[in-house]
Amino acid sequence: MPLELLTIPCLTDNYAYLIHDSASSQTAVIDVPEAGPILGALDERGWTLSDILITHHHSDHIQGVEALRAATGAMVLGAAADAHRLPRLDLALTEDSGFSIGTEFPRVIDVPGHTIGHIAYHFAESGLAFTGDSLMSGGCGRLFEGTPAQMYQSLCTLAALPPGTLICSGHEYTTTNLAFAATLEPGNPALMSRIAATAALRAKGIPTVPVTLAVELETNPFLRVAAPSIRSALDLTVAENIPVFAEIRARRNRF
């Protein structure tokens, strides 16, 4: 039975995610921008938190971890490579690590770029991928520590997941990301449709995440570096994809 998913707005524009296995009653949260909204959601549903999964070390993803751990006694899991700058880990993860939420054994995926120690979690049976600030809704994270080559490879890895996978990313940046995408592909009908749908959701205060990988592949310029329309907009004739990706990221930084 698929895990139940709940998207929880936190801080100004962050998201945390709760996943719940009804058979075992095991419940995990992915990233903890702040503890209050997560504790409120748990209490409302009568769920008991068992696990805290961290994607990366930035404060807006971990600053509520200690308060949440103290309130629930949940185990904290995160990247072994980043353990020195994460809250104390009960389980330090690598791509070979095995752990379970209910009956599911998620895949840990190294996705450096935004930070060097960034990881994502793929729950194949439930069709969920928690990508933090690597692959984001309509975009990708800034390269604070990694290189364009690292982030491009990380996105390629995530882009290879099944198209129906729900991409659960860390922020409500969709409106701005798609506005930038429209400067590169104004003739992309899927993108124009998504922009309209996003505006309708935000007008009602509804999160624009998660979103399927299939939609991202049609509309996210960072997953479309090989598209002739993108290359034409950039006026780039290079054969390699990484310089194209780097130029898109540089333009998004200035947008």
C-alpha atoms as a PDB file:
ATOM      1  CA  MET A   1       0.000   0.000   0.000  1.00  0.00           C
ATOM      2  CA  PRO A   2       1.519   3.381  -0.952  1.00  0.00           C
ATOM      3  CA  LEU A   3       2.698   5.733   1.736  1.00  0.00           C
ATOM      4  CA  GLU A   4       0.362   8.592   2.600  1.00  0.00           C
ATOM      5  CA  LEU A   5       1.935  11.958   1.752  1.00  0.00           C
ATOM      6  CA  LEU A   6       1.326  15.314   3.404  1.00  0.00           C
ATOM      7  CA  THR A   7       2.913  18.592   2.254  1.00  0.00           C
ATOM      8  CA  ILE A   8       3.500  21.041   5.125  1.00  0.00           C
ATOM      9  CA  PRO A   9       4.261  24.734   4.490  1.00  0.00           C
ATOM     10  CA  CYS A  10       6.942  26.103   6.835  1.00  0.00           C
ATOM     11  CA  LEU A  11       8.713  29.432   7.359  1.00  0.00           C
ATOM     12  CA  THR A  12       8.153  31.826   4.430  1.00  0.00           C
ATOM     13  CA  ASP A  13       8.421  29.497   1.444  1.00  0.00           C
ATOM     14  CA  ASN A  14       9.776  26.136   2.668  1.00  0.00           C
ATOM     15  CA  TYR A  15       8.077  22.757   2.645  1.00  0.00           C
ATOM     16  CA  ALA A  16       8.439  19.713   4.861  1.00  0.00           C
ATOM     17  CA  TYR A  17       6.822  16.405   3.958  1.00  0.00           C
ATOM     18  CA  LEU A  18       5.257  13.744   6.146  1.00  0.00           C
ATOM     19  CA  ILE A  19       4.971  10.182   4.890  1.00  0.00           C
ATOM     20  CA  HIS A  20       2.897   7.646   6.792  1.00  0.00           C
ATOM     21  CA  ASP A  21       2.596   3.881   6.531  1.00  0.00           C
ATOM     22  CA  SER A  22      -0.850   2.906   7.759  1.00  0.00           C
ATOM     23  CA  ALA A  23       0.013  -0.773   8.299  1.00  0.00           C
ATOM     24  CA  SER A  24       2.954  -0.178  10.643  1.00  0.00           C
ATOM     25  CA  SER A  25       1.983   3.352  11.792  1.00  0.00           C
ATOM     26  CA  GLN A  26       5.553   4.394  10.985  1.00  0.00           C
ATOM     27  CA  THR A  27       5.770   8.075  10.055  1.00  0.00           C
ATOM     28  CA  ALA A  28       8.729  10.038   8.717  1.00  0.00           C
ATOM     29  CA  VAL A  29       9.332  13.685   7.947  1.00  0.00           C
ATOM     30  CA  ILE A  30      11.639  14.921   5.220  1.00  0.00           C
ATOM     31  CA  ASP A  31      13.458  18.110   6.307  1.00  0.00           C
ATOM     32  CA  VAL A  32      12.475  20.248   9.284  1.00  0.00           C
ATOM     33  CA  PRO A  33      12.463  23.989   8.575  1.00  0.00           C
ATOM     34  CA  GLU A  34      10.558  24.433  11.847  1.00  0.00           C
ATOM     35  CA  ALA A  35       9.031  21.994  14.311  1.00  0.00           C
ATOM     36  CA  GLY A  36       5.674  23.661  15.063  1.00  0.00           C
ATOM     37  CA  PRO A  37       3.753  23.001  11.830  1.00  0.00           C
ATOM     38  CA  ILE A  38       5.012  19.408  11.739  1.00  0.00           C
ATOM     39  CA  LEU A  39       3.985  18.725  15.339  1.00  0.00           C
ATOM     40  CA  GLY A  40       0.598  20.262  14.579  1.00  0.00           C
ATOM     41  CA  ALA A  41       0.082  18.010  11.565  1.00  0.00           C
ATOM     42  CA  LEU A  42       1.108  14.920  13.541  1.00  0.00           C
ATOM     43  CA  ASP A  43      -1.260  15.777  16.376  1.00  0.00           C
ATOM     44  CA  GLU A  44      -4.147  16.471  14.001  1.00  0.00           C
ATOM     45  CA  ARG A  45      -3.815  13.041  12.435  1.00  0.00           C
ATOM     46  CA  GLY A  46      -2.825  11.078  15.517  1.00  0.00           C
ATOM     47  CA  TRP A  47       0.464  10.027  13.939  1.00  0.00           C
ATOM     48  CA  THR A  48       3.640   9.274  15.897  1.00  0.00           C
ATOM     49  CA  LEU A  49       6.878  10.416  14.258  1.00  0.00           C
ATOM     50  CA  SER A  50       9.494   7.672  13.960  1.00  0.00           C
ATOM     51  CA  ASP A  51      12.070   9.132  11.562  1.00  0.00           C
ATOM     52  CA  ILE A  52      13.510  12.479  10.480  1.00  0.00           C
ATOM     53  CA  LEU A  53      15.160  12.383   7.027  1.00  0.00           C
ATOM     54  CA  ILE A  54      17.466  15.257   6.083  1.00  0.00           C
ATOM     55  CA  THR A  55      18.367  16.204   2.506  1.00  0.00           C
ATOM     56  CA  HIS A  56      21.126  18.764   3.199  1.00  0.00           C
ATOM     57  CA  HIS A  57      22.669  20.987   5.832  1.00  0.00           C
ATOM     58  CA  HIS A  58      21.195  24.423   5.105  1.00  0.00           C
ATOM     59  CA  SER A  59      19.556  25.928   8.173  1.00  0.00           C
ATOM     60  CA  ASP A  60      16.144  26.355   6.573  1.00  0.00           C
ATOM     61  CA  HIS A  61      15.996  22.563   6.217  1.00  0.00           C
ATOM     62  CA  ILE A  62      17.365  21.494   9.613  1.00  0.00           C
ATOM     63  CA  GLN A  63      16.818  24.245  12.176  1.00  0.00           C
ATOM     64  CA  GLY A  64      13.768  22.527  13.657  1.00  0.00           C
ATOM     65  CA  VAL A  65      15.351  19.080  13.940  1.00  0.00           C
ATOM     66  CA  GLU A  66      16.459  19.220  17.581  1.00  0.00           C
ATOM     67  CA  ALA A  67      13.100  20.537  18.794  1.00  0.00           C
ATOM     68  CA  LEU A  68      11.287  17.861  16.818  1.00  0.00           C
ATOM     69  CA  ARG A  69      13.610  15.125  18.064  1.00  0.00           C
ATOM     70  CA  ALA A  70      13.096  16.279  21.659  1.00  0.00           C
ATOM     71  CA  ALA A  71       9.314  16.305  21.237  1.00  0.00           C
ATOM     72  CA  THR A  72       9.000  12.934  19.490  1.00  0.00           C
ATOM     73  CA  GLY A  73      12.114  10.837  20.115  1.00  0.00           C
ATOM     74  CA  ALA A  74      12.370  10.218  16.370  1.00  0.00           C
ATOM     75  CA  MET A  75      15.564   8.898  14.800  1.00  0.00           C
ATOM     76  CA  VAL A  76      17.522  11.332  12.630  1.00  0.00           C
ATOM     77  CA  LEU A  77      18.958  10.186   9.294  1.00  0.00           C
ATOM     78  CA  GLY A  78      21.166  12.125   6.903  1.00  0.00           C
ATOM     79  CA  ALA A  79      24.205  11.980   4.669  1.00  0.00           C
ATOM     80  CA  ALA A  80      27.321  10.459   6.193  1.00  0.00           C
ATOM     81  CA  ALA A  81      29.398  12.836   4.070  1.00  0.00           C
ATOM     82  CA  ASP A  82      27.683  15.805   5.714  1.00  0.00           C
ATOM     83  CA  ALA A  83      27.488  14.471   9.272  1.00  0.00           C
ATOM     84  CA  HIS A  84      29.894  17.129  10.534  1.00  0.00           C
ATOM     85  CA  ARG A  85      27.416  19.913   9.746  1.00  0.00           C
ATOM     86  CA  LEU A  86      24.102  18.169  10.360  1.00  0.00           C
ATOM     87  CA  PRO A  87      22.308  17.580  13.651  1.00  0.00           C
ATOM     88  CA  ARG A  88      23.526  14.439  15.427  1.00  0.00           C
ATOM     89  CA  LEU A  89      22.671  11.483  13.197  1.00  0.00           C
ATOM     90  CA  ASP A  90      21.287   8.203  14.495  1.00  0.00           C
ATOM     91  CA  LEU A  91      21.933   6.710  11.059  1.00  0.00           C
ATOM     92  CA  ALA A  92      24.516   8.166   8.655  1.00  0.00           C
ATOM     93  CA  LEU A  93      23.529   7.319   5.090  1.00  0.00           C
ATOM     94  CA  THR A  94      25.387   6.518   1.881  1.00  0.00           C
ATOM     95  CA  GLU A  95      23.972   5.339  -1.432  1.00  0.00           C
ATOM     96  CA  ASP A  96      24.476   1.770  -0.182  1.00  0.00           C
ATOM     97  CA  SER A  97      22.556   2.287   3.050  1.00  0.00           C
ATOM     98  CA  GLY A  98      19.411   0.338   3.695  1.00  0.00           C
ATOM     99  CA  PHE A  99      16.564   1.478   5.926  1.00  0.00           C
ATOM    100  CA  SER A 100      12.806   1.183   5.778  1.00  0.00           C
ATOM    101  CA  ILE A 101       9.682   3.234   6.282  1.00  0.00           C
ATOM    102  CA  GLY A 102       6.950   0.672   6.700  1.00  0.00           C
ATOM    103  CA  THR A 103       7.592  -1.977   4.073  1.00  0.00           C
ATOM    104  CA  GLU A 104       9.432   0.383   1.701  1.00  0.00           C
ATOM    105  CA  PHE A 105      13.201   0.543   1.401  1.00  0.00           C
ATOM    106  CA  PRO A 106      14.008   3.909  -0.162  1.00  0.00           C
ATOM    107  CA  ARG A 107      16.972   4.498  -2.411  1.00  0.00           C
ATOM    108  CA  VAL A 108      19.430   7.117  -1.172  1.00  0.00           C
ATOM    109  CA  ILE A 109      20.752   9.163  -4.111  1.00  0.00           C
ATOM    110  CA  ASP A 110      23.785  11.442  -3.980  1.00  0.00           C
ATOM    111  CA  VAL A 111      22.790  14.708  -5.694  1.00  0.00           C
ATOM    112  CA  PRO A 112      25.668  17.179  -5.213  1.00  0.00           C
ATOM    113  CA  GLY A 113      25.463  20.642  -6.719  1.00  0.00           C
ATOM    114  CA  HIS A 114      23.436  22.874  -4.426  1.00  0.00           C
ATOM    115  CA  THR A 115      25.655  21.512  -1.654  1.00  0.00           C
ATOM    116  CA  ILE A 116      28.312  18.823  -1.858  1.00  0.00           C
ATOM    117  CA  GLY A 117      26.642  16.486   0.629  1.00  0.00           C
ATOM    118  CA  HIS A 118      23.071  16.796  -0.671  1.00  0.00           C
ATOM    119  CA  ILE A 119      21.072  13.558  -0.919  1.00  0.00           C
ATOM    120  CA  ALA A 120      17.623  12.681  -2.231  1.00  0.00           C
ATOM    121  CA  TYR A 121      15.285   9.856  -1.230  1.00  0.00           C
ATOM    122  CA  HIS A 122      13.371   7.773  -3.786  1.00  0.00           C
ATOM    123  CA  PHE A 123      10.458   5.631  -2.600  1.00  0.00           C
ATOM    124  CA  ALA A 124       9.858   3.574  -5.727  1.00  0.00           C
ATOM    125  CA  GLU A 125       6.741   1.691  -4.594  1.00  0.00           C
ATOM    126  CA  SER A 126       4.944   4.888  -3.594  1.00  0.00           C
ATOM    127  CA  GLY A 127       6.312   6.853  -6.558  1.00  0.00           C
ATOM    128  CA  LEU A 128       7.837   9.603  -4.421  1.00  0.00           C
ATOM    129  CA  ALA A 129      11.181  11.407  -4.666  1.00  0.00           C
ATOM    130  CA  PHE A 130      12.251  13.923  -2.032  1.00  0.00           C
ATOM    131  CA  THR A 131      14.764  16.125  -3.791  1.00  0.00           C
ATOM    132  CA  GLY A 132      15.263  19.049  -1.401  1.00  0.00           C
ATOM    133  CA  ASP A 133      17.007  21.852  -3.263  1.00  0.00           C
ATOM    134  CA  SER A 134      18.461  19.753  -6.097  1.00  0.00           C
ATOM    135  CA  LEU A 135      15.649  19.214  -8.624  1.00  0.00           C
ATOM    136  CA  MET A 136      13.057  21.840  -7.752  1.00  0.00           C
ATOM    137  CA  SER A 137       9.639  22.661  -9.111  1.00  0.00           C
ATOM    138  CA  GLY A 138      10.395  24.283 -12.453  1.00  0.00           C
ATOM    139  CA  GLY A 139      14.056  24.754 -11.618  1.00  0.00           C
ATOM    140  CA  CYS A 140      17.045  23.617  -9.580  1.00  0.00           C
ATOM    141  CA  GLY A 141      18.968  24.917  -6.582  1.00  0.00           C
ATOM    142  CA  ARG A 142      21.741  27.488  -6.817  1.00  0.00           C
ATOM    143  CA  LEU A 143      25.240  26.059  -6.991  1.00  0.00           C
ATOM    144  CA  PHE A 144      26.486  27.189  -3.583  1.00  0.00           C
ATOM    145  CA  GLU A 145      29.151  24.471  -3.341  1.00  0.00           C
ATOM    146  CA  GLY A 146      29.079  22.180  -6.351  1.00  0.00           C
ATOM    147  CA  THR A 147      29.969  22.626  -9.994  1.00  0.00           C
ATOM    148  CA  PRO A 148      27.679  22.793 -13.036  1.00  0.00           C
ATOM    149  CA  ALA A 149      28.925  19.331 -14.007  1.00  0.00           C
ATOM    150  CA  GLN A 150      27.953  17.912 -10.611  1.00  0.00           C
ATOM    151  CA  MET A 151      24.493  19.441 -10.631  1.00  0.00           C
ATOM    152  CA  TYR A 152      23.874  18.461 -14.226  1.00  0.00           C
ATOM    153  CA  GLN A 153      24.756  14.837 -13.424  1.00  0.00           C
ATOM    154  CA  SER A 154      22.546  14.930 -10.326  1.00  0.00           C
ATOM    155  CA  LEU A 155      19.615  16.162 -12.396  1.00  0.00           C
ATOM    156  CA  CYS A 156      20.255  13.510 -15.040  1.00  0.00           C
ATOM    157  CA  THR A 157      20.093  10.846 -12.331  1.00  0.00           C
ATOM    158  CA  LEU A 158      16.787  12.200 -11.046  1.00  0.00           C
ATOM    159  CA  ALA A 159      15.426  12.661 -14.575  1.00  0.00           C
ATOM    160  CA  ALA A 160      15.902   8.928 -15.146  1.00  0.00           C
ATOM    161  CA  LEU A 161      13.352   8.023 -12.462  1.00  0.00           C
ATOM    162  CA  PRO A 162       9.918   6.836 -13.674  1.00  0.00           C
ATOM    163  CA  PRO A 163       7.990   9.763 -15.240  1.00  0.00           C
ATOM    164  CA  GLY A 164       5.081   9.334 -12.857  1.00  0.00           C
ATOM    165  CA  THR A 165       7.284   9.939  -9.821  1.00  0.00           C
ATOM    166  CA  LEU A 166       6.077  12.819  -7.655  1.00  0.00           C
ATOM    167  CA  ILE A 167       8.946  15.262  -7.148  1.00  0.00           C
ATOM    168  CA  CYS A 168       8.727  16.652  -3.621  1.00  0.00           C
ATOM    169  CA  SER A 169      11.061  19.650  -3.466  1.00  0.00           C
ATOM    170  CA  GLY A 170      11.876  22.068  -0.701  1.00  0.00           C
ATOM    171  CA  HIS A 171      10.448  25.473  -1.635  1.00  0.00           C
ATOM    172  CA  GLU A 172       7.547  27.363  -3.176  1.00  0.00           C
ATOM    173  CA  TYR A 173       9.576  28.825  -6.045  1.00  0.00           C
ATOM    174  CA  THR A 174       7.429  27.570  -8.924  1.00  0.00           C
ATOM    175  CA  THR A 175       5.987  30.902 -10.046  1.00  0.00           C
ATOM    176  CA  THR A 176       9.376  32.593 -10.422  1.00  0.00           C
ATOM    177  CA  ASN A 177      11.025  29.495 -11.867  1.00  0.00           C
ATOM    178  CA  LEU A 178       8.385  29.195 -14.582  1.00  0.00           C
ATOM    179  CA  ALA A 179       8.506  32.908 -15.351  1.00  0.00           C
ATOM    180  CA  PHE A 180      12.196  32.453 -16.031  1.00  0.00           C
ATOM    181  CA  ALA A 181      11.541  29.305 -18.089  1.00  0.00           C
ATOM    182  CA  ALA A 182       9.167  31.347 -20.250  1.00  0.00           C
ATOM    183  CA  THR A 183      12.037  33.649 -21.247  1.00  0.00           C
ATOM    184  CA  LEU A 184      13.681  30.625 -22.861  1.00  0.00           C
ATOM    185  CA  GLU A 185      10.671  28.760 -24.245  1.00  0.00           C
ATOM    186  CA  PRO A 186       7.758  31.158 -24.763  1.00  0.00           C
ATOM    187  CA  GLY A 187       6.423  28.820 -27.430  1.00  0.00           C
ATOM    188  CA  ASN A 188       6.262  25.753 -25.175  1.00  0.00           C
ATOM    189  CA  PRO A 189       2.522  24.984 -24.754  1.00  0.00           C
ATOM    190  CA  ALA A 190       3.089  22.675 -21.782  1.00  0.00           C
ATOM    191  CA  LEU A 191       4.968  25.469 -20.033  1.00  0.00           C
ATOM    192  CA  MET A 192       2.271  28.047 -20.730  1.00  0.00           C
ATOM    193  CA  SER A 193      -0.378  25.668 -19.414  1.00  0.00           C
ATOM    194  CA  ARG A 194       1.648  25.025 -16.285  1.00  0.00           C
ATOM    195  CA  ILE A 195       2.112  28.741 -15.651  1.00  0.00           C
ATOM    196  CA  ALA A 196      -1.656  29.223 -15.753  1.00  0.00           C
ATOM    197  CA  ALA A 197      -2.285  26.237 -13.487  1.00  0.00           C
ATOM    198  CA  THR A 198       0.357  27.473 -11.039  1.00  0.00           C
ATOM    199  CA  ALA A 199      -1.225  30.920 -10.864  1.00  0.00           C
ATOM    200  CA  ALA A 200      -4.601  29.342 -10.110  1.00  0.00           C
ATOM    201  CA  LEU A 201      -3.167  27.228  -7.294  1.00  0.00           C
ATOM    202  CA  ARG A 202      -1.297  30.120  -5.691  1.00  0.00           C
ATOM    203  CA  ALA A 203      -4.364  32.349  -5.878  1.00  0.00           C
ATOM    204  CA  LYS A 204      -6.030  29.812  -3.586  1.00  0.00           C
ATOM    205  CA  GLY A 205      -2.974  29.418  -1.359  1.00  0.00           C
ATOM    206  CA  ILE A 206      -2.450  25.821  -2.512  1.00  0.00           C
ATOM    207  CA  PRO A 207       1.120  24.438  -2.772  1.00  0.00           C
ATOM    208  CA  THR A 208       2.402  23.829  -6.292  1.00  0.00           C
ATOM    209  CA  VAL A 209       4.372  20.808  -5.089  1.00  0.00           C
ATOM    210  CA  PRO A 210       4.673  17.932  -5.458  1.00  0.00           C
ATOM    211  CA  VAL A 211       4.596  17.648  -9.238  1.00  0.00           C
ATOM    212  CA  THR A 212       5.246  14.693 -11.509  1.00  0.00           C
ATOM    213  CA  LEU A 213       8.614  14.211 -13.127  1.00  0.00           C
ATOM    214  CA  ALA A 214       6.779  14.018 -16.470  1.00  0.00           C
ATOM    215  CA  VAL A 215       5.646  17.631 -16.046  1.00  0.00           C
ATOM    216  CA  GLU A 216       9.160  18.678 -15.072  1.00  0.00           C
ATOM    217  CA  LEU A 217      10.602  17.029 -18.179  1.00  0.00           C
ATOM    218  CA  GLU A 218       8.195  19.053 -20.340  1.00  0.00           C
ATOM    219  CA  THR A 219       8.657  22.428 -18.626  1.00  0.00           C
ATOM    220  CA  ASN A 220      11.815  22.658 -16.480  1.00  0.00           C
ATOM    221  CA  PRO A 221      14.639  24.238 -18.535  1.00  0.00           C
ATOM    222  CA  PHE A 222      17.305  22.562 -16.417  1.00  0.00           C
ATOM    223  CA  LEU A 223      16.005  19.193 -17.628  1.00  0.00           C
ATOM    224  CA  ARG A 224      15.711  20.435 -21.216  1.00  0.00           C
ATOM    225  CA  VAL A 225      19.252  21.540 -22.020  1.00  0.00           C
ATOM    226  CA  ALA A 226      19.258  19.407 -25.179  1.00  0.00           C
ATOM    227  CA  ALA A 227      16.025  20.930 -26.523  1.00  0.00           C
ATOM    228  CA  PRO A 228      16.605  22.884 -29.762  1.00  0.00           C
ATOM    229  CA  SER A 229      14.279  25.643 -28.522  1.00  0.00           C
ATOM    230  CA  ILE A 230      16.430  26.155 -25.422  1.00  0.00           C
ATOM    231  CA  ARG A 231      19.671  26.209 -27.369  1.00  0.00           C
ATOM    232  CA  SER A 232      18.231  28.630 -29.884  1.00  0.00           C
ATOM    233  CA  ALA A 233      17.123  30.992 -27.104  1.00  0.00           C
ATOM    234  CA  LEU A 234      20.619  30.882 -25.619  1.00  0.00           C
ATOM    235  CA  ASP A 235      22.273  31.203 -29.032  1.00  0.00           C
ATOM    236  CA  LEU A 236      24.603  28.339 -28.120  1.00  0.00           C
ATOM    237  CA  THR A 237      25.902  25.895 -30.689  1.00  0.00           C
ATOM    238  CA  VAL A 238      28.156  23.796 -28.430  1.00  0.00           C
ATOM    239  CA  ALA A 239      27.693  20.050 -28.611  1.00  0.00           C
ATOM    240  CA  GLU A 240      28.055  19.440 -24.874  1.00  0.00           C
ATOM    241  CA  ASN A 241      25.167  19.818 -22.445  1.00  0.00           C
ATOM    242  CA  ILE A 242      27.069  21.056 -19.382  1.00  0.00           C
ATOM    243  CA  PRO A 243      27.962  24.509 -20.822  1.00  0.00           C
ATOM    244  CA  VAL A 244      24.299  24.939 -21.773  1.00  0.00           C
ATOM    245  CA  PHE A 245      23.229  24.005 -18.273  1.00  0.00           C
ATOM    246  CA  ALA A 246      25.782  26.419 -16.795  1.00  0.00           C
ATOM    247  CA  GLU A 247      24.480  29.271 -18.958  1.00  0.00           C
ATOM    248  CA  ILE A 248      20.878  28.567 -17.939  1.00  0.00           C
ATOM    249  CA  ARG A 249      21.892  28.561 -14.270  1.00  0.00           C
ATOM    250  CA  ALA A 250      23.829  31.819 -14.672  1.00  0.00           C
ATOM    251  CA  ARG A 251      20.831  33.492 -16.325  1.00  0.00           C
ATOM    252  CA  ARG A 252      18.480  32.201 -13.628  1.00  0.00           C
ATOM    253  CA  ASN A 253      20.815  33.686 -10.984  1.00  0.00           C
ATOM    254  CA  ARG A 254      20.402  37.107 -12.602  1.00  0.00           C
ATOM    255  CA  PHE A 255      16.653  36.798 -13.234  1.00  0.00           C
END
